[in-house]
Amino acid sequence: VGALKAVNRIRSFAYLAAKGLNPPY
């Protein structure tokens, strides 16, 4: 679960570079 949380955090911040996609939480 700790690894899931870490990759999800990195993944969520990557949305800041993606145009046209609704951001996650």
mmCIF file of all heavy atoms, coordinates in Angstrom:
data_MODEL
# 
_entry.id   MODEL 
# 
loop_
_atom_site.group_PDB 
_atom_site.id 
_atom_site.type_symbol 
_atom_site.label_atom_id 
_atom_site.label_alt_id 
_atom_site.label_comp_id 
_atom_site.label_asym_id 
_atom_site.label_entity_id 
_atom_site.label_seq_id 
_atom_site.pdbx_PDB_ins_code 
_atom_site.Cartn_x 
_atom_site.Cartn_y 
_atom_site.Cartn_z 
_atom_site.occupancy 
_atom_site.B_iso_or_equiv 
_atom_site.pdbx_formal_charge 
_atom_site.auth_seq_id 
_atom_site.auth_comp_id 
_atom_site.auth_asym_id 
_atom_site.auth_atom_id 
_atom_site.pdbx_PDB_model_num 
ATOM 1   N N   . VAL A 1 1  ? 0.831   -1.206 0.000   1.00 0.00 ? 1  VAL A N   1 
ATOM 2   C CA  . VAL A 1 1  ? 0.000   0.000  0.000   1.00 0.00 ? 1  VAL A CA  1 
ATOM 3   C C   . VAL A 1 1  ? 0.870   1.263  0.000   1.00 0.00 ? 1  VAL A C   1 
ATOM 4   O O   . VAL A 1 1  ? 0.547   2.251  -0.660  1.00 0.00 ? 1  VAL A O   1 
ATOM 5   C CB  . VAL A 1 1  ? -0.962  -0.001 1.204   1.00 0.00 ? 1  VAL A CB  1 
ATOM 6   C CG1 . VAL A 1 1  ? -1.709  1.335  1.307   1.00 0.00 ? 1  VAL A CG1 1 
ATOM 7   C CG2 . VAL A 1 1  ? -1.968  -1.141 1.080   1.00 0.00 ? 1  VAL A CG2 1 
ATOM 8   N N   . GLY A 1 2  ? 1.988   1.227  0.713   1.00 0.00 ? 2  GLY A N   1 
ATOM 9   C CA  . GLY A 1 2  ? 2.889   2.374  0.717   1.00 0.00 ? 2  GLY A CA  1 
ATOM 10  C C   . GLY A 1 2  ? 3.427   2.684  -0.669  1.00 0.00 ? 2  GLY A C   1 
ATOM 11  O O   . GLY A 1 2  ? 3.535   3.851  -1.063  1.00 0.00 ? 2  GLY A O   1 
ATOM 12  N N   . ALA A 1 3  ? 3.747   1.638  -1.428  1.00 0.00 ? 3  ALA A N   1 
ATOM 13  C CA  . ALA A 1 3  ? 4.221   1.841  -2.803  1.00 0.00 ? 3  ALA A CA  1 
ATOM 14  C C   . ALA A 1 3  ? 3.102   2.383  -3.687  1.00 0.00 ? 3  ALA A C   1 
ATOM 15  O O   . ALA A 1 3  ? 3.334   3.243  -4.542  1.00 0.00 ? 3  ALA A O   1 
ATOM 16  C CB  . ALA A 1 3  ? 4.749   0.529  -3.365  1.00 0.00 ? 3  ALA A CB  1 
ATOM 17  N N   . LEU A 1 4  ? 1.880   1.898  -3.490  1.00 0.00 ? 4  LEU A N   1 
ATOM 18  C CA  . LEU A 1 4  ? 0.740   2.418  -4.241  1.00 0.00 ? 4  LEU A CA  1 
ATOM 19  C C   . LEU A 1 4  ? 0.544   3.902  -3.978  1.00 0.00 ? 4  LEU A C   1 
ATOM 20  O O   . LEU A 1 4  ? 0.318   4.694  -4.899  1.00 0.00 ? 4  LEU A O   1 
ATOM 21  C CB  . LEU A 1 4  ? -0.534  1.667  -3.859  1.00 0.00 ? 4  LEU A CB  1 
ATOM 22  C CG  . LEU A 1 4  ? -0.844  0.361  -4.576  1.00 0.00 ? 4  LEU A CG  1 
ATOM 23  C CD1 . LEU A 1 4  ? -2.127  -0.237 -4.011  1.00 0.00 ? 4  LEU A CD1 1 
ATOM 24  C CD2 . LEU A 1 4  ? -0.972  0.563  -6.078  1.00 0.00 ? 4  LEU A CD2 1 
ATOM 25  N N   . LYS A 1 5  ? 0.627   4.293  -2.715  1.00 0.00 ? 5  LYS A N   1 
ATOM 26  C CA  . LYS A 1 5  ? 0.456   5.699  -2.364  1.00 0.00 ? 5  LYS A CA  1 
ATOM 27  C C   . LYS A 1 5  ? 1.542   6.558  -3.006  1.00 0.00 ? 5  LYS A C   1 
ATOM 28  O O   . LYS A 1 5  ? 1.276   7.659  -3.488  1.00 0.00 ? 5  LYS A O   1 
ATOM 29  C CB  . LYS A 1 5  ? 0.472   5.868  -0.841  1.00 0.00 ? 5  LYS A CB  1 
ATOM 30  C CG  . LYS A 1 5  ? -0.758  5.300  -0.155  1.00 0.00 ? 5  LYS A CG  1 
ATOM 31  C CD  . LYS A 1 5  ? -0.589  5.250  1.351   1.00 0.00 ? 5  LYS A CD  1 
ATOM 32  C CE  . LYS A 1 5  ? -0.422  6.613  1.957   1.00 0.00 ? 5  LYS A CE  1 
ATOM 33  N NZ  . LYS A 1 5  ? -0.318  6.554  3.432   1.00 0.00 ? 5  LYS A NZ  1 
ATOM 34  N N   . ALA A 1 6  ? 2.763   6.043  -3.035  1.00 0.00 ? 6  ALA A N   1 
ATOM 35  C CA  . ALA A 1 6  ? 3.873   6.811  -3.610  1.00 0.00 ? 6  ALA A CA  1 
ATOM 36  C C   . ALA A 1 6  ? 3.698   7.002  -5.107  1.00 0.00 ? 6  ALA A C   1 
ATOM 37  O O   . ALA A 1 6  ? 3.835   8.117  -5.626  1.00 0.00 ? 6  ALA A O   1 
ATOM 38  C CB  . ALA A 1 6  ? 5.202   6.113  -3.315  1.00 0.00 ? 6  ALA A CB  1 
ATOM 39  N N   . VAL A 1 7  ? 3.392   5.927  -5.823  1.00 0.00 ? 7  VAL A N   1 
ATOM 40  C CA  . VAL A 1 7  ? 3.243   6.058  -7.277  1.00 0.00 ? 7  VAL A CA  1 
ATOM 41  C C   . VAL A 1 7  ? 1.990   6.876  -7.616  1.00 0.00 ? 7  VAL A C   1 
ATOM 42  O O   . VAL A 1 7  ? 1.983   7.652  -8.581  1.00 0.00 ? 7  VAL A O   1 
ATOM 43  C CB  . VAL A 1 7  ? 3.222   4.682  -7.970  1.00 0.00 ? 7  VAL A CB  1 
ATOM 44  C CG1 . VAL A 1 7  ? 1.944   3.913  -7.671  1.00 0.00 ? 7  VAL A CG1 1 
ATOM 45  C CG2 . VAL A 1 7  ? 3.395   4.848  -9.480  1.00 0.00 ? 7  VAL A CG2 1 
ATOM 46  N N   . ASN A 1 8  ? 0.938   6.745  -6.816  1.00 0.00 ? 8  ASN A N   1 
ATOM 47  C CA  . ASN A 1 8  ? -0.259  7.542  -7.051  1.00 0.00 ? 8  ASN A CA  1 
ATOM 48  C C   . ASN A 1 8  ? 0.017   9.026  -6.850  1.00 0.00 ? 8  ASN A C   1 
ATOM 49  O O   . ASN A 1 8  ? -0.545  9.874  -7.557  1.00 0.00 ? 8  ASN A O   1 
ATOM 50  C CB  . ASN A 1 8  ? -1.386  7.099  -6.118  1.00 0.00 ? 8  ASN A CB  1 
ATOM 51  C CG  . ASN A 1 8  ? -2.049  5.809  -6.572  1.00 0.00 ? 8  ASN A CG  1 
ATOM 52  O OD1 . ASN A 1 8  ? -1.883  5.391  -7.715  1.00 0.00 ? 8  ASN A OD1 1 
ATOM 53  N ND2 . ASN A 1 8  ? -2.796  5.190  -5.679  1.00 0.00 ? 8  ASN A ND2 1 
ATOM 54  N N   . ARG A 1 9  ? 0.871   9.341  -5.896  1.00 0.00 ? 9  ARG A N   1 
ATOM 55  C CA  . ARG A 1 9  ? 1.215   10.743 -5.669  1.00 0.00 ? 9  ARG A CA  1 
ATOM 56  C C   . ARG A 1 9  ? 1.989   11.306 -6.871  1.00 0.00 ? 9  ARG A C   1 
ATOM 57  O O   . ARG A 1 9  ? 1.677   12.385 -7.369  1.00 0.00 ? 9  ARG A O   1 
ATOM 58  C CB  . ARG A 1 9  ? 2.045   10.883 -4.394  1.00 0.00 ? 9  ARG A CB  1 
ATOM 59  C CG  . ARG A 1 9  ? 2.417   12.336 -4.075  1.00 0.00 ? 9  ARG A CG  1 
ATOM 60  C CD  . ARG A 1 9  ? 3.087   12.464 -2.719  1.00 0.00 ? 9  ARG A CD  1 
ATOM 61  N NE  . ARG A 1 9  ? 3.459   13.842 -2.449  1.00 0.00 ? 9  ARG A NE  1 
ATOM 62  C CZ  . ARG A 1 9  ? 2.648   14.777 -1.967  1.00 0.00 ? 9  ARG A CZ  1 
ATOM 63  N NH1 . ARG A 1 9  ? 1.386   14.469 -1.710  1.00 0.00 ? 9  ARG A NH1 1 
ATOM 64  N NH2 . ARG A 1 9  ? 3.064   16.004 -1.755  1.00 0.00 ? 9  ARG A NH2 1 
ATOM 65  N N   . ILE A 1 10 ? 2.982   10.566 -7.329  1.00 0.00 ? 10 ILE A N   1 
ATOM 66  C CA  . ILE A 1 10 ? 3.749   11.008 -8.495  1.00 0.00 ? 10 ILE A CA  1 
ATOM 67  C C   . ILE A 1 10 ? 2.832   11.119 -9.711  1.00 0.00 ? 10 ILE A C   1 
ATOM 68  O O   . ILE A 1 10 ? 2.900   12.081 -10.484 1.00 0.00 ? 10 ILE A O   1 
ATOM 69  C CB  . ILE A 1 10 ? 4.908   10.028 -8.769  1.00 0.00 ? 10 ILE A CB  1 
ATOM 70  C CG1 . ILE A 1 10 ? 5.886   10.037 -7.589  1.00 0.00 ? 10 ILE A CG1 1 
ATOM 71  C CG2 . ILE A 1 10 ? 5.631   10.392 -10.063 1.00 0.00 ? 10 ILE A CG2 1 
ATOM 72  C CD1 . ILE A 1 10 ? 6.934   8.929  -7.642  1.00 0.00 ? 10 ILE A CD1 1 
ATOM 73  N N   . ARG A 1 11 ? 1.952   10.149 -9.860  1.00 0.00 ? 11 ARG A N   1 
ATOM 74  C CA  . ARG A 1 11 ? 1.009   10.146 -10.984 1.00 0.00 ? 11 ARG A CA  1 
ATOM 75  C C   . ARG A 1 11 ? 0.062   11.343 -10.934 1.00 0.00 ? 11 ARG A C   1 
ATOM 76  O O   . ARG A 1 11 ? -0.203  11.983 -11.957 1.00 0.00 ? 11 ARG A O   1 
ATOM 77  C CB  . ARG A 1 11 ? 0.212   8.838  -10.946 1.00 0.00 ? 11 ARG A CB  1 
ATOM 78  C CG  . ARG A 1 11 ? -0.805  8.660  -12.050 1.00 0.00 ? 11 ARG A CG  1 
ATOM 79  C CD  . ARG A 1 11 ? -1.594  7.381  -11.793 1.00 0.00 ? 11 ARG A CD  1 
ATOM 80  N NE  . ARG A 1 11 ? -2.642  7.169  -12.784 1.00 0.00 ? 11 ARG A NE  1 
ATOM 81  C CZ  . ARG A 1 11 ? -3.608  6.272  -12.647 1.00 0.00 ? 11 ARG A CZ  1 
ATOM 82  N NH1 . ARG A 1 11 ? -3.641  5.495  -11.566 1.00 0.00 ? 11 ARG A NH1 1 
ATOM 83  N NH2 . ARG A 1 11 ? -4.534  6.137  -13.577 1.00 0.00 ? 11 ARG A NH2 1 
ATOM 84  N N   . SER A 1 12 ? -0.452  11.661 -9.751  1.00 0.00 ? 12 SER A N   1 
ATOM 85  C CA  . SER A 1 12 ? -1.377  12.791 -9.645  1.00 0.00 ? 12 SER A CA  1 
ATOM 86  C C   . SER A 1 12 ? -0.698  14.096 -10.027 1.00 0.00 ? 12 SER A C   1 
ATOM 87  O O   . SER A 1 12 ? -1.278  14.918 -10.761 1.00 0.00 ? 12 SER A O   1 
ATOM 88  C CB  . SER A 1 12 ? -1.959  12.877 -8.226  1.00 0.00 ? 12 SER A CB  1 
ATOM 89  O OG  . SER A 1 12 ? -0.965  13.180 -7.265  1.00 0.00 ? 12 SER A OG  1 
ATOM 90  N N   . PHE A 1 13 ? 0.530   14.296 -9.584  1.00 0.00 ? 13 PHE A N   1 
ATOM 91  C CA  . PHE A 1 13 ? 1.239   15.528 -9.926  1.00 0.00 ? 13 PHE A CA  1 
ATOM 92  C C   . PHE A 1 13 ? 1.533   15.608 -11.426 1.00 0.00 ? 13 PHE A C   1 
ATOM 93  O O   . PHE A 1 13 ? 1.601   16.707 -11.984 1.00 0.00 ? 13 PHE A O   1 
ATOM 94  C CB  . PHE A 1 13 ? 2.532   15.633 -9.111  1.00 0.00 ? 13 PHE A CB  1 
ATOM 95  C CG  . PHE A 1 13 ? 2.330   16.238 -7.753  1.00 0.00 ? 13 PHE A CG  1 
ATOM 96  C CD1 . PHE A 1 13 ? 1.754   15.503 -6.725  1.00 0.00 ? 13 PHE A CD1 1 
ATOM 97  C CD2 . PHE A 1 13 ? 2.697   17.544 -7.483  1.00 0.00 ? 13 PHE A CD2 1 
ATOM 98  C CE1 . PHE A 1 13 ? 1.551   16.053 -5.473  1.00 0.00 ? 13 PHE A CE1 1 
ATOM 99  C CE2 . PHE A 1 13 ? 2.513   18.117 -6.236  1.00 0.00 ? 13 PHE A CE2 1 
ATOM 100 C CZ  . PHE A 1 13 ? 1.928   17.362 -5.222  1.00 0.00 ? 13 PHE A CZ  1 
ATOM 101 N N   . ALA A 1 14 ? 1.692   14.452 -12.081 1.00 0.00 ? 14 ALA A N   1 
ATOM 102 C CA  . ALA A 1 14 ? 1.938   14.456 -13.531 1.00 0.00 ? 14 ALA A CA  1 
ATOM 103 C C   . ALA A 1 14 ? 0.756   15.043 -14.293 1.00 0.00 ? 14 ALA A C   1 
ATOM 104 O O   . ALA A 1 14 ? 0.929   15.569 -15.401 1.00 0.00 ? 14 ALA A O   1 
ATOM 105 C CB  . ALA A 1 14 ? 2.233   13.036 -14.018 1.00 0.00 ? 14 ALA A CB  1 
ATOM 106 N N   . TYR A 1 15 ? -0.438  14.978 -13.702 1.00 0.00 ? 15 TYR A N   1 
ATOM 107 C CA  . TYR A 1 15 ? -1.611  15.559 -14.354 1.00 0.00 ? 15 TYR A CA  1 
ATOM 108 C C   . TYR A 1 15 ? -1.464  17.060 -14.554 1.00 0.00 ? 15 TYR A C   1 
ATOM 109 O O   . TYR A 1 15 ? -2.142  17.644 -15.410 1.00 0.00 ? 15 TYR A O   1 
ATOM 110 C CB  . TYR A 1 15 ? -2.870  15.267 -13.536 1.00 0.00 ? 15 TYR A CB  1 
ATOM 111 C CG  . TYR A 1 15 ? -3.556  13.973 -13.895 1.00 0.00 ? 15 TYR A CG  1 
ATOM 112 C CD1 . TYR A 1 15 ? -3.003  12.746 -13.515 1.00 0.00 ? 15 TYR A CD1 1 
ATOM 113 C CD2 . TYR A 1 15 ? -4.749  13.963 -14.606 1.00 0.00 ? 15 TYR A CD2 1 
ATOM 114 C CE1 . TYR A 1 15 ? -3.624  11.547 -13.828 1.00 0.00 ? 15 TYR A CE1 1 
ATOM 115 C CE2 . TYR A 1 15 ? -5.377  12.764 -14.939 1.00 0.00 ? 15 TYR A CE2 1 
ATOM 116 C CZ  . TYR A 1 15 ? -4.814  11.569 -14.540 1.00 0.00 ? 15 TYR A CZ  1 
ATOM 117 O OH  . TYR A 1 15 ? -5.427  10.384 -14.879 1.00 0.00 ? 15 TYR A OH  1 
ATOM 118 N N   . LEU A 1 16 ? -0.595  17.690 -13.779 1.00 0.00 ? 16 LEU A N   1 
ATOM 119 C CA  . LEU A 1 16 ? -0.376  19.127 -13.926 1.00 0.00 ? 16 LEU A CA  1 
ATOM 120 C C   . LEU A 1 16 ? 0.306   19.452 -15.256 1.00 0.00 ? 16 LEU A C   1 
ATOM 121 O O   . LEU A 1 16 ? 0.320   20.612 -15.676 1.00 0.00 ? 16 LEU A O   1 
ATOM 122 C CB  . LEU A 1 16 ? 0.459   19.651 -12.761 1.00 0.00 ? 16 LEU A CB  1 
ATOM 123 C CG  . LEU A 1 16 ? -0.229  19.579 -11.390 1.00 0.00 ? 16 LEU A CG  1 
ATOM 124 C CD1 . LEU A 1 16 ? 0.769   19.869 -10.282 1.00 0.00 ? 16 LEU A CD1 1 
ATOM 125 C CD2 . LEU A 1 16 ? -1.405  20.542 -11.324 1.00 0.00 ? 16 LEU A CD2 1 
ATOM 126 N N   . ALA A 1 17 ? 0.871   18.432 -15.898 1.00 0.00 ? 17 ALA A N   1 
ATOM 127 C CA  . ALA A 1 17 ? 1.518   18.634 -17.201 1.00 0.00 ? 17 ALA A CA  1 
ATOM 128 C C   . ALA A 1 17 ? 0.639   18.165 -18.354 1.00 0.00 ? 17 ALA A C   1 
ATOM 129 O O   . ALA A 1 17 ? 1.028   18.291 -19.512 1.00 0.00 ? 17 ALA A O   1 
ATOM 130 C CB  . ALA A 1 17 ? 2.853   17.879 -17.244 1.00 0.00 ? 17 ALA A CB  1 
ATOM 131 N N   . ALA A 1 18 ? -0.530  17.610 -18.029 1.00 0.00 ? 18 ALA A N   1 
ATOM 132 C CA  . ALA A 1 18 ? -1.416  17.065 -19.060 1.00 0.00 ? 18 ALA A CA  1 
ATOM 133 C C   . ALA A 1 18 ? -2.567  18.031 -19.319 1.00 0.00 ? 18 ALA A C   1 
ATOM 134 O O   . ALA A 1 18 ? -3.291  18.403 -18.393 1.00 0.00 ? 18 ALA A O   1 
ATOM 135 C CB  . ALA A 1 18 ? -1.956  15.711 -18.620 1.00 0.00 ? 18 ALA A CB  1 
ATOM 136 N N   . LYS A 1 19 ? -2.734  18.438 -20.548 1.00 0.00 ? 19 LYS A N   1 
ATOM 137 C CA  . LYS A 1 19 ? -3.797  19.364 -20.898 1.00 0.00 ? 19 LYS A CA  1 
ATOM 138 C C   . LYS A 1 19 ? -5.061  18.592 -21.303 1.00 0.00 ? 19 LYS A C   1 
ATOM 139 O O   . LYS A 1 19 ? -4.999  17.556 -21.935 1.00 0.00 ? 19 LYS A O   1 
ATOM 140 C CB  . LYS A 1 19 ? -3.357  20.261 -22.058 1.00 0.00 ? 19 LYS A CB  1 
ATOM 141 C CG  . LYS A 1 19 ? -2.180  21.170 -21.710 1.00 0.00 ? 19 LYS A CG  1 
ATOM 142 C CD  . LYS A 1 19 ? -1.788  22.044 -22.896 1.00 0.00 ? 19 LYS A CD  1 
ATOM 143 C CE  . LYS A 1 19 ? -0.634  22.965 -22.539 1.00 0.00 ? 19 LYS A CE  1 
ATOM 144 N NZ  . LYS A 1 19 ? -0.213  23.832 -23.675 1.00 0.00 ? 19 LYS A NZ  1 
ATOM 145 N N   . GLY A 1 20 ? -6.189  19.123 -20.870 1.00 0.00 ? 20 GLY A N   1 
ATOM 146 C CA  . GLY A 1 20 ? -7.461  18.540 -21.283 1.00 0.00 ? 20 GLY A CA  1 
ATOM 147 C C   . GLY A 1 20 ? -7.941  17.377 -20.451 1.00 0.00 ? 20 GLY A C   1 
ATOM 148 O O   . GLY A 1 20 ? -8.955  16.764 -20.778 1.00 0.00 ? 20 GLY A O   1 
ATOM 149 N N   . LEU A 1 21 ? -7.236  17.038 -19.371 1.00 0.00 ? 21 LEU A N   1 
ATOM 150 C CA  . LEU A 1 21 ? -7.643  15.933 -18.508 1.00 0.00 ? 21 LEU A CA  1 
ATOM 151 C C   . LEU A 1 21 ? -8.120  16.478 -17.170 1.00 0.00 ? 21 LEU A C   1 
ATOM 152 O O   . LEU A 1 21 ? -7.510  17.381 -16.600 1.00 0.00 ? 21 LEU A O   1 
ATOM 153 C CB  . LEU A 1 21 ? -6.481  14.970 -18.273 1.00 0.00 ? 21 LEU A CB  1 
ATOM 154 C CG  . LEU A 1 21 ? -5.952  14.209 -19.481 1.00 0.00 ? 21 LEU A CG  1 
ATOM 155 C CD1 . LEU A 1 21 ? -4.784  13.319 -19.069 1.00 0.00 ? 21 LEU A CD1 1 
ATOM 156 C CD2 . LEU A 1 21 ? -7.051  13.366 -20.125 1.00 0.00 ? 21 LEU A CD2 1 
ATOM 157 N N   . ASN A 1 22 ? -9.232  15.933 -16.678 1.00 0.00 ? 22 ASN A N   1 
ATOM 158 C CA  . ASN A 1 22 ? -9.695  16.339 -15.361 1.00 0.00 ? 22 ASN A CA  1 
ATOM 159 C C   . ASN A 1 22 ? -8.703  15.867 -14.302 1.00 0.00 ? 22 ASN A C   1 
ATOM 160 O O   . ASN A 1 22 ? -8.287  14.705 -14.321 1.00 0.00 ? 22 ASN A O   1 
ATOM 161 C CB  . ASN A 1 22 ? -11.075 15.745 -15.072 1.00 0.00 ? 22 ASN A CB  1 
ATOM 162 C CG  . ASN A 1 22 ? -12.155 16.380 -15.909 1.00 0.00 ? 22 ASN A CG  1 
ATOM 163 O OD1 . ASN A 1 22 ? -12.038 17.532 -16.322 1.00 0.00 ? 22 ASN A OD1 1 
ATOM 164 N ND2 . ASN A 1 22 ? -13.216 15.634 -16.168 1.00 0.00 ? 22 ASN A ND2 1 
ATOM 165 N N   . PRO A 1 23 ? -8.313  16.732 -13.388 1.00 0.00 ? 23 PRO A N   1 
ATOM 166 C CA  . PRO A 1 23 ? -7.312  16.336 -12.395 1.00 0.00 ? 23 PRO A CA  1 
ATOM 167 C C   . PRO A 1 23 ? -7.871  15.374 -11.368 1.00 0.00 ? 23 PRO A C   1 
ATOM 168 O O   . PRO A 1 23 ? -9.078  15.393 -11.081 1.00 0.00 ? 23 PRO A O   1 
ATOM 169 C CB  . PRO A 1 23 ? -6.941  17.673 -11.737 1.00 0.00 ? 23 PRO A CB  1 
ATOM 170 C CG  . PRO A 1 23 ? -8.172  18.507 -11.883 1.00 0.00 ? 23 PRO A CG  1 
ATOM 171 C CD  . PRO A 1 23 ? -8.758  18.123 -13.218 1.00 0.00 ? 23 PRO A CD  1 
ATOM 172 N N   . PRO A 1 24 ? -7.036  14.516 -10.824 1.00 0.00 ? 24 PRO A N   1 
ATOM 173 C CA  . PRO A 1 24 ? -7.441  13.654 -9.716  1.00 0.00 ? 24 PRO A CA  1 
ATOM 174 C C   . PRO A 1 24 ? -7.414  14.464 -8.420  1.00 0.00 ? 24 PRO A C   1 
ATOM 175 O O   . PRO A 1 24 ? -7.202  15.684 -8.432  1.00 0.00 ? 24 PRO A O   1 
ATOM 176 C CB  . PRO A 1 24 ? -6.358  12.578 -9.722  1.00 0.00 ? 24 PRO A CB  1 
ATOM 177 C CG  . PRO A 1 24 ? -5.133  13.323 -10.170 1.00 0.00 ? 24 PRO A CG  1 
ATOM 178 C CD  . PRO A 1 24 ? -5.627  14.331 -11.184 1.00 0.00 ? 24 PRO A CD  1 
ATOM 179 N N   . TYR A 1 25 ? -7.585  13.774 -7.310  1.00 0.00 ? 25 TYR A N   1 
ATOM 180 C CA  . TYR A 1 25 ? -7.453  14.444 -6.015  1.00 0.00 ? 25 TYR A CA  1 
ATOM 181 C C   . TYR A 1 25 ? -5.996  14.430 -5.569  1.00 0.00 ? 25 TYR A C   1 
ATOM 182 O O   . TYR A 1 25 ? -5.311  13.414 -5.671  1.00 0.00 ? 25 TYR A O   1 
ATOM 183 C CB  . TYR A 1 25 ? -8.356  13.790 -4.968  1.00 0.00 ? 25 TYR A CB  1 
ATOM 184 C CG  . TYR A 1 25 ? -9.783  14.270 -5.083  1.00 0.00 ? 25 TYR A CG  1 
ATOM 185 C CD1 . TYR A 1 25 ? -10.686 13.619 -5.912  1.00 0.00 ? 25 TYR A CD1 1 
ATOM 186 C CD2 . TYR A 1 25 ? -10.198 15.411 -4.408  1.00 0.00 ? 25 TYR A CD2 1 
ATOM 187 C CE1 . TYR A 1 25 ? -11.991 14.075 -6.055  1.00 0.00 ? 25 TYR A CE1 1 
ATOM 188 C CE2 . TYR A 1 25 ? -11.499 15.879 -4.541  1.00 0.00 ? 25 TYR A CE2 1 
ATOM 189 C CZ  . TYR A 1 25 ? -12.378 15.211 -5.362  1.00 0.00 ? 25 TYR A CZ  1 
ATOM 190 O OH  . TYR A 1 25 ? -13.667 15.681 -5.504  1.00 0.00 ? 25 TYR A OH  1 
# 
